[in-house]
Protein backbone atom coordinates (compact mmCIF):
# COMPACT_ATOMS: atom_id res chain seq x y z
CA MET A 1 7.90 11.23 42.60
CA PHE A 2 9.98 12.57 39.54
CA LYS A 3 11.35 8.99 39.10
CA LYS A 4 7.70 7.41 38.93
CA LEU A 5 6.58 10.13 36.48
CA ALA A 6 9.73 9.74 34.32
CA LEU A 7 8.99 5.95 34.25
CA LEU A 8 5.32 6.60 33.32
CA ALA A 9 6.50 9.00 30.36
CA LEU A 10 8.75 6.39 28.87
CA ALA A 11 6.00 3.95 29.08
CA SER A 12 3.64 6.14 27.29
CA SER A 13 6.36 7.08 24.58
CA PHE A 14 6.84 3.18 23.78
CA MET A 15 2.73 3.00 23.68
CA LEU A 16 2.93 5.94 21.04
CA THR A 17 5.29 3.91 18.87
CA ALA A 18 3.02 0.69 18.56
CA LYS A 19 2.12 0.47 14.77
CA ALA A 20 -0.51 -1.79 12.89
CA ASP A 21 0.61 -2.49 9.55
CA THR A 22 -2.08 -3.15 6.66
CA ILE A 23 -0.21 -5.06 3.66
CA VAL A 24 -1.84 -4.37 0.21
CA SER A 25 -0.38 -6.59 -2.52
CA SER A 26 -1.31 -7.93 -5.97
CA SER A 27 -2.61 -11.74 -5.76
CA ALA A 28 -5.65 -13.67 -7.62
CA THR A 29 -7.05 -14.05 -3.96
CA ASN A 30 -7.34 -10.19 -3.14
CA THR A 31 -7.34 -8.29 -6.41
CA THR A 32 -10.47 -8.01 -8.62
CA ASN A 33 -10.65 -6.30 -11.99
CA ASN A 34 -13.58 -4.98 -14.26
CA SER A 35 -12.77 -7.01 -17.57
CA GLY A 36 -15.20 -9.58 -16.82
CA PHE A 37 -12.57 -12.19 -16.38
CA ALA A 38 -11.04 -13.62 -12.97
CA THR A 39 -7.56 -12.29 -11.86
CA GLN A 40 -4.98 -14.62 -12.15
CA ASN A 41 -1.25 -15.08 -10.82
CA ILE A 42 0.77 -15.12 -14.32
CA ALA A 43 4.03 -15.89 -15.16
CA PRO A 44 6.21 -13.03 -15.61
CA ASN A 45 7.95 -12.10 -19.17
CA PRO A 46 11.56 -13.23 -18.94
CA GLN A 47 12.18 -9.73 -19.36
CA TRP A 48 10.50 -8.32 -16.36
CA ALA A 49 11.75 -7.34 -12.98
CA PRO A 50 10.65 -10.32 -10.25
CA ALA A 51 7.56 -10.23 -8.85
CA LEU A 52 7.85 -7.76 -5.55
CA PRO A 53 8.39 -9.51 -2.30
CA GLY A 54 5.19 -10.71 -1.08
CA SER A 55 3.45 -10.35 -4.23
CA ASN A 56 2.33 -12.01 -7.45
CA TRP A 57 2.37 -10.63 -11.23
CA VAL A 58 -1.26 -10.43 -12.11
CA SER A 59 -3.59 -10.34 -15.02
CA TYR A 60 -7.09 -11.56 -16.37
CA ALA A 61 -5.70 -13.88 -18.75
CA VAL A 62 -2.17 -15.43 -19.58
CA THR A 63 -0.42 -12.25 -20.94
CA GLY A 64 3.02 -12.76 -19.66
CA ASP A 65 5.33 -15.41 -20.61
CA PRO A 66 4.98 -15.71 -24.30
CA SER A 67 6.13 -19.21 -23.98
CA ALA A 68 3.19 -20.12 -21.55
CA PRO A 69 0.60 -22.52 -22.58
CA GLY A 70 -2.60 -20.00 -23.68
CA TYR A 71 -0.50 -16.90 -23.76
CA THR A 72 -2.92 -14.22 -25.26
CA VAL A 73 -1.75 -10.68 -26.80
CA LEU A 74 -4.13 -7.90 -26.10
CA PRO A 75 -4.66 -5.31 -28.21
CA ASN A 76 -3.14 -1.74 -28.23
CA GLY A 77 -5.66 0.40 -26.20
CA THR A 78 -6.79 -2.24 -23.72
CA ALA A 79 -7.28 -0.53 -20.15
CA ALA A 80 -8.51 -2.74 -17.59
CA ILE A 81 -8.78 -1.19 -13.81
CA PHE A 82 -7.61 -3.61 -10.98
CA THR A 83 -8.91 -2.84 -7.43
CA GLN A 84 -7.99 -4.37 -3.86
CA THR A 85 -10.55 -3.01 -0.89
CA PHE A 86 -8.61 -3.03 2.55
CA THR A 87 -10.20 -1.96 5.85
CA LEU A 88 -8.28 0.69 8.35
CA GLY A 89 -8.99 0.79 12.27
CA ALA A 90 -7.35 4.27 12.53
CA PRO A 91 -5.89 7.20 10.86
CA VAL A 92 -3.11 6.57 8.49
CA GLU A 93 0.47 7.99 9.77
CA ASN A 94 2.62 6.64 7.00
CA GLY A 95 3.23 3.97 4.64
CA PHE A 96 4.81 3.13 0.88
CA LEU A 97 3.47 1.28 -2.23
CA ASN A 98 5.92 -0.12 -5.09
CA VAL A 99 4.36 -0.72 -8.24
CA LEU A 100 5.63 -2.36 -11.55
CA ALA A 101 3.36 -2.99 -15.07
CA ASP A 102 3.43 -3.58 -18.45
CA ASP A 103 2.82 -1.05 -20.26
CA THR A 104 2.02 1.29 -17.58
CA THR A 105 -0.33 2.08 -14.84
CA SER A 106 -1.93 4.74 -13.15
CA VAL A 107 -2.48 4.46 -9.58
CA ILE A 108 -5.92 5.86 -7.83
CA LEU A 109 -6.48 6.05 -4.13
CA ASN A 110 -9.91 6.17 -2.90
CA GLY A 111 -10.98 7.68 -6.43
CA THR A 112 -8.08 10.22 -6.45
CA THR A 113 -5.12 9.49 -9.06
CA ILE A 114 -1.85 9.46 -6.94
CA PHE A 115 0.39 8.72 -10.06
CA ALA A 116 -0.42 9.04 -13.78
CA ALA A 117 0.36 6.55 -16.09
CA ASN A 118 3.06 7.05 -18.87
CA LEU A 119 0.43 7.19 -21.96
CA GLY A 120 1.84 8.32 -25.28
CA GLY A 121 5.48 7.66 -24.19
CA SER A 122 8.38 5.16 -25.28
CA TYR A 123 7.98 1.63 -24.96
CA PRO A 124 11.11 -0.51 -25.80
CA THR A 125 10.10 -2.90 -23.13
CA CYS A 126 7.13 -1.74 -21.36
CA SER A 127 7.39 2.13 -20.51
CA ASN A 128 10.76 3.59 -20.52
CA ILE A 129 9.49 5.70 -17.34
CA PRO A 130 7.76 4.99 -14.14
CA ILE A 131 5.64 3.05 -14.04
CA GLY A 132 7.09 0.09 -16.21
CA CYS A 133 7.95 -3.61 -15.66
CA LEU A 134 11.35 -2.99 -15.01
CA THR A 135 13.29 -2.52 -11.70
CA SER A 136 14.76 0.65 -13.10
CA THR A 137 11.11 1.75 -13.92
CA GLU A 138 9.72 0.64 -10.86
CA ALA A 139 7.48 3.58 -8.71
CA SER A 140 8.26 3.50 -5.26
CA ILE A 141 5.51 5.90 -4.03
CA ASN A 142 5.71 7.52 -0.32
CA LEU A 143 2.18 7.32 0.78
CA THR A 144 2.73 10.12 3.75
CA PRO A 145 1.98 13.23 1.37
CA TYR A 146 -1.43 10.93 0.76
CA ILE A 147 -2.71 10.26 4.15
CA GLY A 148 -5.73 12.46 3.71
CA LEU A 149 -7.40 10.72 1.39
CA PHE A 150 -7.36 7.57 3.48
CA THR A 151 -10.54 6.82 5.52
CA THR A 152 -11.09 4.96 8.75
CA GLY A 153 -12.93 2.07 7.24
CA VAL A 154 -13.13 0.74 3.82
CA ASN A 155 -10.71 1.96 1.33
CA THR A 156 -10.32 1.18 -2.36
CA LEU A 157 -6.51 0.76 -4.06
CA SER A 158 -7.13 0.73 -7.93
CA PHE A 159 -4.48 0.18 -10.93
CA GLN A 160 -5.52 1.12 -14.60
CA VAL A 161 -3.40 -0.89 -16.66
CA TYR A 162 -2.87 0.02 -20.30
CA GLN A 163 -1.82 -2.15 -22.97
CA GLU A 164 0.17 0.36 -25.46
CA ASN A 165 2.76 -1.68 -27.79
CA ASN A 166 1.45 -5.44 -27.87
CA VAL A 167 3.46 -8.17 -26.49
CA SER A 168 2.55 -8.71 -22.49
CA TYR A 169 0.48 -7.12 -20.15
CA GLY A 170 0.44 -7.15 -16.36
CA LEU A 171 0.50 -5.92 -12.87
CA ASP A 172 2.75 -6.26 -9.62
CA TYR A 173 2.14 -4.23 -6.52
CA TYR A 174 2.92 -4.12 -3.27
CA GLY A 175 2.47 -1.76 -0.05
CA ASP A 176 2.88 -1.23 3.54
CA ILE A 177 0.06 1.03 5.55
CA ASN A 178 1.05 1.91 9.09
CA THR A 179 -2.00 3.00 11.49
CA PRO A 180 -1.56 3.27 15.42
CA GLU A 181 -2.27 -0.02 17.15
CA PRO A 182 -6.18 -0.30 18.17
CA GLY A 183 -6.31 0.66 21.84
CA THR A 184 -2.83 2.50 21.84
CA LEU A 185 -4.74 5.95 21.89
CA ALA A 186 -6.83 4.47 25.24
CA MET A 187 -3.82 3.05 26.71
CA LEU A 188 -1.93 6.71 26.37
CA GLY A 189 -5.12 8.08 27.84
CA ILE A 190 -4.76 5.82 31.05
CA GLY A 191 -1.13 6.71 31.24
CA LEU A 192 -1.62 10.45 31.16
CA VAL A 193 -4.57 9.92 34.08
CA GLY A 194 -2.22 7.96 35.98
CA LEU A 195 0.35 10.47 35.74
CA PHE A 196 -2.57 13.39 36.65
CA LEU A 197 -3.51 11.24 39.93
CA MET A 198 0.03 10.48 41.01
CA GLY A 199 1.27 14.13 40.57
CA ARG A 200 -2.05 15.04 42.82
CA ARG A 201 -1.33 12.70 45.56
CA GLU A 202 2.39 13.42 45.87
CA VAL A 203 1.36 17.27 45.80
CA ALA A 204 -1.15 16.18 48.85
CA GLY A 205 1.43 14.43 50.67
CA THR A 206 3.87 17.51 50.73
CA PHE A 207 0.89 19.50 52.20
CA ALA A 208 -0.16 16.77 54.82
CA SER A 209 3.46 16.68 55.85
């Protein structure tokens, strides 16, 4: 009996580790903005960090590489909001979000600011502290403290990107949000019911003998 119980418990533990990954990333195909112009992937300013893996530098105009055709300098004080919506099928367990921006950006999850922009700071090359456009000023945000902000269903991740010191402008982000695989909890329940029934059967057999 104990061997069977141990095997079922082990199987249940494997079911508990099953995860579903929801990826969020900056791209012209999944990121909208409120400027009135479509989001576009842009060639980055040569001084920026490379785009994060699985993402693109984005803007609503050609605002990255000064040598790119149609390059545009947005006026200081520009603040556009870029947004991605995504759907979760279960409560969030953990996750991370990496963000780069020129000059800087705030990060807003379902209406709550989880990282404030560096407004009024120093901008030698974008912001001199996170969130900026360099590897040294990239924000790596642990989403675990904010799991209570997520909802099962549609969620909204927004970035208010600021132009503070002329020249280039853009946003880059990539994140991974982990939830249990659909059906994991049901499978666990089946495993626990199996444990209960097997235990009863073994006990009944012991008394019968």
